[in-house]
């Protein structure tokens, strides 16, 4: 995945009220309960059904590193969906999101202004409208470029234009992200 998608996933994980299972057997058991069968879990993880059964029984406790990473990622993706939904609903209705980033921003504006891209460190709260657009785009499977456009538009409006009080006609682009962290 990309920087923004990973940041959205990390922000959702911070909302968990309980920790996910730790061992391989409890993690696989959770996935089997969610997906309904060992065959479905095997297809999801890209392993044989017999391997899933071994993980489930505990006869094989340490899967290869790539498989363990897939188990963890799929577990976190499905862990506490109602808690995750409540947090995103709150962000899109009243709370908004906070973006902390160090990135290179490019600008297009009226003649006489600079279009020189510069590396900036910005922490800015974006209103719920941008949170909704970001979550909708992420749920629809948007690319990293499309997600960065949503964040760039939000930062352009709130941070650079100060809500329309200055820099009329400014267009902001998010070119190179050094790091990005989201919170809601």
Protein backbone atom coordinates (compact mmCIF):
# COMPACT_ATOMS: atom_id res chain seq x y z
CA UNK A 1 0.00 0.00 0.00
CA UNK A 2 1.03 3.61 0.11
CA UNK A 3 1.84 6.29 2.60
CA UNK A 4 -1.65 7.75 2.89
CA UNK A 5 -3.47 4.39 2.92
CA UNK A 6 -1.12 3.09 5.59
CA UNK A 7 -1.65 6.24 7.63
CA UNK A 8 -5.43 5.81 7.42
CA UNK A 9 -5.08 2.21 8.60
CA UNK A 10 -2.81 3.22 11.50
CA UNK A 11 -5.25 5.93 12.55
CA UNK A 12 -8.08 3.39 12.58
CA UNK A 13 -5.99 0.96 14.64
CA UNK A 14 -5.46 3.65 17.27
CA UNK A 15 -9.21 3.62 17.91
CA UNK A 16 -9.31 -0.05 18.93
CA UNK A 17 -10.67 -0.54 22.43
CA UNK A 18 -9.27 -4.06 22.79
CA UNK A 19 -6.02 -5.53 21.56
CA UNK A 20 -6.21 -8.12 18.77
CA UNK A 21 -5.18 -11.72 19.53
CA UNK A 22 -1.43 -12.30 19.73
CA UNK A 23 -0.68 -15.93 18.87
CA UNK A 24 -1.04 -17.54 15.46
CA UNK A 25 -3.81 -19.95 16.49
CA UNK A 26 -6.11 -17.27 18.00
CA UNK A 27 -5.52 -14.99 15.01
CA UNK A 28 -6.36 -17.72 12.51
CA UNK A 29 -9.37 -18.75 14.61
CA UNK A 30 -10.65 -15.18 14.46
CA UNK A 31 -10.24 -15.11 10.67
CA UNK A 32 -12.02 -18.46 10.34
CA UNK A 33 -14.95 -17.12 12.41
CA UNK A 34 -15.11 -13.97 10.27
CA UNK A 35 -14.80 -15.66 6.90
CA UNK A 36 -16.70 -18.83 7.77
CA UNK A 37 -14.29 -21.55 6.63
CA UNK A 38 -10.69 -22.61 6.57
CA UNK A 39 -10.84 -22.68 2.77
CA UNK A 40 -11.77 -18.99 2.61
CA UNK A 41 -8.91 -18.11 4.98
CA UNK A 42 -6.50 -20.22 2.93
CA UNK A 43 -7.48 -18.40 -0.26
CA UNK A 44 -7.16 -15.04 1.52
CA UNK A 45 -3.69 -15.84 2.83
CA UNK A 46 -2.46 -17.69 -0.25
CA UNK A 47 -1.70 -20.94 1.59
CA UNK A 48 -3.19 -24.43 1.54
CA UNK A 49 -6.27 -25.27 3.53
CA UNK A 50 -4.23 -27.86 5.44
CA UNK A 51 -1.76 -25.15 6.55
CA UNK A 52 -4.65 -23.11 7.93
CA UNK A 53 -5.90 -26.17 9.80
CA UNK A 54 -2.41 -26.69 11.27
CA UNK A 55 -2.24 -23.04 12.37
CA UNK A 56 -5.70 -23.41 13.89
CA UNK A 57 -4.84 -26.58 15.84
CA UNK A 58 -1.51 -25.17 16.97
CA UNK A 59 0.60 -27.92 15.41
CA UNK A 60 2.33 -25.25 13.34
CA UNK A 61 2.87 -22.18 15.48
CA UNK A 62 5.32 -20.09 13.48
CA UNK A 63 4.30 -19.37 9.90
CA UNK A 64 6.84 -17.95 7.44
CA UNK A 65 7.33 -14.20 7.81
CA UNK A 66 5.30 -13.17 4.73
CA UNK A 67 2.38 -15.37 5.81
CA UNK A 68 2.55 -14.04 9.38
CA UNK A 69 2.48 -10.49 8.02
CA UNK A 70 -0.60 -11.32 5.90
CA UNK A 71 -2.34 -12.90 8.89
CA UNK A 72 -1.67 -9.78 10.96
CA UNK A 73 -2.79 -7.40 8.20
CA UNK A 74 -6.03 -9.29 7.55
CA UNK A 75 -6.73 -9.54 11.28
CA UNK A 76 -6.27 -5.79 11.78
CA UNK A 77 -8.41 -5.04 8.75
CA UNK A 78 -11.31 -7.00 10.27
CA UNK A 79 -10.78 -6.25 13.98
CA UNK A 80 -13.52 -4.22 15.71
CA UNK A 81 -15.35 -2.96 12.62
CA UNK A 82 -18.02 -1.14 14.67
CA UNK A 83 -15.42 0.78 16.66
CA UNK A 84 -13.70 1.76 13.41
CA UNK A 85 -17.05 2.79 11.85
CA UNK A 86 -18.02 4.92 14.85
CA UNK A 87 -14.69 6.73 14.75
CA UNK A 88 -14.93 7.45 11.02
CA UNK A 89 -18.57 8.53 11.36
CA UNK A 90 -17.55 10.97 14.09
CA UNK A 91 -14.73 12.31 11.90
CA UNK A 92 -16.96 12.88 8.86
CA UNK A 93 -19.85 14.38 10.82
CA UNK A 94 -18.29 16.64 13.45
CA UNK A 95 -14.62 16.01 14.15
CA UNK A 96 -12.64 16.17 10.94
CA UNK A 97 -9.08 14.88 10.64
CA UNK A 98 -5.68 16.18 11.63
CA UNK A 99 -2.90 15.88 9.08
CA UNK A 100 0.73 16.00 10.16
CA UNK A 101 3.14 15.84 7.27
CA UNK A 102 6.50 16.83 5.95
CA UNK A 103 6.14 17.02 2.22
CA UNK A 104 7.07 18.98 -0.83
CA UNK A 105 4.26 21.28 -1.93
CA UNK A 106 4.01 22.78 -5.39
CA UNK A 107 1.95 25.84 -6.13
CA UNK A 108 0.21 27.38 -9.10
CA UNK A 109 -1.06 30.92 -8.62
CA UNK A 110 -1.50 34.33 -10.17
CA UNK A 111 1.46 35.90 -12.01
CA UNK A 112 4.08 37.34 -9.72
CA UNK A 113 3.84 34.57 -7.13
CA UNK A 114 6.23 31.70 -6.63
CA UNK A 115 5.69 28.23 -7.98
CA UNK A 116 8.91 26.92 -6.43
CA UNK A 117 8.14 23.66 -4.59
CA UNK A 118 9.41 23.64 -1.02
CA UNK A 119 9.63 21.05 1.71
CA UNK A 120 7.32 22.03 4.57
CA UNK A 121 6.31 20.50 7.87
CA UNK A 122 2.61 21.11 8.49
CA UNK A 123 0.20 20.00 11.19
CA UNK A 124 -3.31 21.11 10.31
CA UNK A 125 -6.83 20.12 11.26
CA UNK A 126 -9.09 19.64 8.24
CA UNK A 127 -12.89 20.01 8.48
CA UNK A 128 -15.27 17.02 8.27
CA UNK A 129 -15.95 17.60 4.56
CA UNK A 130 -12.36 16.69 3.68
CA UNK A 131 -12.47 13.72 6.06
CA UNK A 132 -15.56 12.45 4.23
CA UNK A 133 -13.91 12.90 0.85
CA UNK A 134 -10.75 11.13 2.02
CA UNK A 135 -12.60 8.17 3.59
CA UNK A 136 -14.90 7.83 0.57
CA UNK A 137 -11.96 7.85 -1.83
CA UNK A 138 -10.07 5.30 0.30
CA UNK A 139 -13.13 3.02 0.50
CA UNK A 140 -13.58 3.28 -3.28
CA UNK A 141 -10.01 2.07 -3.81
CA UNK A 142 -8.50 5.38 -4.88
CA UNK A 143 -4.82 5.54 -5.78
CA UNK A 144 -2.26 7.29 -3.61
CA UNK A 145 -2.21 10.15 -6.11
CA UNK A 146 -5.97 10.66 -5.75
CA UNK A 147 -5.75 10.51 -1.95
CA UNK A 148 -2.90 13.04 -1.99
CA UNK A 149 -5.01 15.36 -4.16
CA UNK A 150 -7.77 15.33 -1.53
CA UNK A 151 -5.26 16.15 1.22
CA UNK A 152 -3.59 18.82 -0.93
CA UNK A 153 -6.95 20.47 -1.63
CA UNK A 154 -7.80 20.45 2.07
CA UNK A 155 -4.44 21.86 3.10
CA UNK A 156 -4.61 24.39 0.28
CA UNK A 157 -7.98 25.67 1.43
CA UNK A 158 -7.43 25.62 5.19
CA UNK A 159 -3.69 26.26 5.59
CA UNK A 160 -2.49 28.16 2.54
CA UNK A 161 -5.65 30.13 1.69
CA UNK A 162 -6.79 30.43 5.32
CA UNK A 163 -10.36 29.58 4.41
CA UNK A 164 -10.52 32.02 1.47
CA UNK A 165 -9.05 35.06 3.23
CA UNK A 166 -5.89 35.14 1.12
CA UNK A 167 -4.11 33.65 -1.90
CA UNK A 168 -7.13 33.64 -4.19
CA UNK A 169 -6.60 31.34 -7.16
CA UNK A 170 -3.85 29.31 -5.49
CA UNK A 171 -3.64 25.65 -6.47
CA UNK A 172 -1.66 23.34 -4.19
CA UNK A 173 -0.05 20.05 -5.17
CA UNK A 174 1.41 17.47 -2.82
CA UNK A 175 4.47 16.26 -4.73
CA UNK A 176 6.77 14.27 -2.46
CA UNK A 177 5.72 13.01 0.97
CA UNK A 178 8.52 12.47 3.47
CA UNK A 179 6.05 11.28 6.11
CA UNK A 180 2.34 11.66 6.76
CA UNK A 181 0.35 10.90 9.88
CA UNK A 182 -3.43 11.19 10.21
CA UNK A 183 -5.53 11.35 13.35
CA UNK A 184 -9.26 11.58 13.83
